[in-house]
Amino acid sequence: MIEKRATQRHRVFKGGKIIFENSGIACTVRNMSSSGAAIDLEGPVTLPQSFTLSIARDNFVQNCRAVWRSDRRIGLAFVQ
């Protein structure tokens, strides 16, 4: 598999929340870099084109968009 990421991601295991349309969906952040992250969701969810990833423990809030998806895992790119 060819690595396409611009920056290396680091493994993490943090509780997070996807926020859109005044609602939140719990997720688990599995890896992160300065340009994106991968998250796991409990089940299938239809996401809008852009949304916010929040990790309360780290006071982290970042706008993002989904760039790939498999079963429960979603790859995110942070939007500047």
Protein backbone atom coordinates (compact mmCIF):
# COMPACT_ATOMS: atom_id res chain seq x y z
CA MET A 1 0.00 0.00 0.00
CA ILE A 2 1.38 3.42 -0.96
CA GLU A 3 1.33 6.04 1.79
CA LYS A 4 -0.47 9.17 0.54
CA ARG A 5 -0.51 11.22 3.75
CA ALA A 6 1.49 14.45 3.82
CA THR A 7 2.30 14.04 7.54
CA GLN A 8 2.81 10.94 9.68
CA ARG A 9 -0.06 9.94 11.95
CA HIS A 10 0.42 8.82 15.53
CA ARG A 11 -1.67 6.13 17.20
CA VAL A 12 -4.00 7.36 19.91
CA PHE A 13 -7.06 6.05 21.74
CA LYS A 14 -9.19 9.02 22.74
CA GLY A 15 -12.88 9.64 23.13
CA GLY A 16 -14.18 12.28 20.77
CA LYS A 17 -17.33 13.67 19.29
CA ILE A 18 -18.40 14.47 15.74
CA ILE A 19 -20.55 17.60 15.81
CA PHE A 20 -22.91 18.77 13.05
CA GLU A 21 -26.39 20.26 12.81
CA ASN A 22 -26.47 20.96 16.57
CA SER A 23 -26.03 17.27 17.44
CA GLY A 24 -23.10 15.11 18.48
CA ILE A 25 -22.07 11.53 17.80
CA ALA A 26 -19.53 9.80 20.04
CA CYS A 27 -16.44 8.40 18.33
CA THR A 28 -13.05 6.94 19.18
CA VAL A 29 -10.04 8.71 17.69
CA ARG A 30 -7.56 6.02 16.62
CA ASN A 31 -4.76 8.07 15.05
CA MET A 32 -3.96 11.73 14.43
CA SER A 33 -1.58 14.06 12.66
CA SER A 34 -1.50 17.78 12.07
CA SER A 35 -3.53 17.29 8.88
CA GLY A 36 -6.08 14.60 9.79
CA ALA A 37 -7.25 11.67 11.87
CA ALA A 38 -8.96 8.30 11.75
CA ILE A 39 -12.01 7.67 13.91
CA ASP A 40 -14.18 4.69 14.76
CA LEU A 41 -17.96 5.00 15.10
CA GLU A 42 -20.36 2.60 16.84
CA GLY A 43 -22.42 2.08 13.69
CA PRO A 44 -23.21 3.47 10.26
CA VAL A 45 -23.76 7.22 10.18
CA THR A 46 -24.45 9.55 7.29
CA LEU A 47 -22.18 12.56 7.68
CA PRO A 48 -22.48 15.96 6.01
CA GLN A 49 -19.72 17.19 3.71
CA SER A 50 -18.01 19.03 6.58
CA PHE A 51 -18.33 18.74 10.37
CA THR A 52 -16.36 19.31 13.58
CA LEU A 53 -14.22 16.84 15.53
CA SER A 54 -14.00 17.62 19.24
CA ILE A 55 -11.80 15.94 21.85
CA ALA A 56 -12.86 17.52 25.15
CA ARG A 57 -9.97 16.01 27.15
CA ASP A 58 -7.45 17.87 24.97
CA ASN A 59 -9.53 21.03 24.36
CA PHE A 60 -9.24 20.09 20.67
CA VAL A 61 -11.79 21.36 18.14
CA GLN A 62 -11.17 21.10 14.38
CA ASN A 63 -13.31 21.41 11.27
CA CYS A 64 -12.87 18.42 8.99
CA ARG A 65 -14.22 16.36 6.11
CA ALA A 66 -14.29 12.62 5.45
CA VAL A 67 -11.80 11.45 2.82
CA TRP A 68 -12.28 7.66 3.08
CA ARG A 69 -14.48 5.19 4.86
CA SER A 70 -14.56 1.49 5.71
CA ASP A 71 -17.01 -0.41 7.93
CA ARG A 72 -16.81 1.67 11.12
CA ARG A 73 -13.59 3.64 10.50
CA ILE A 74 -13.50 7.04 8.78
CA GLY A 75 -10.42 8.93 7.64
CA LEU A 76 -10.65 12.68 8.20
CA ALA A 77 -8.78 15.61 6.67
CA PHE A 78 -8.65 18.76 8.76
CA VAL A 79 -9.98 21.84 6.96
CA GLN A 80 -8.09 25.08 7.51
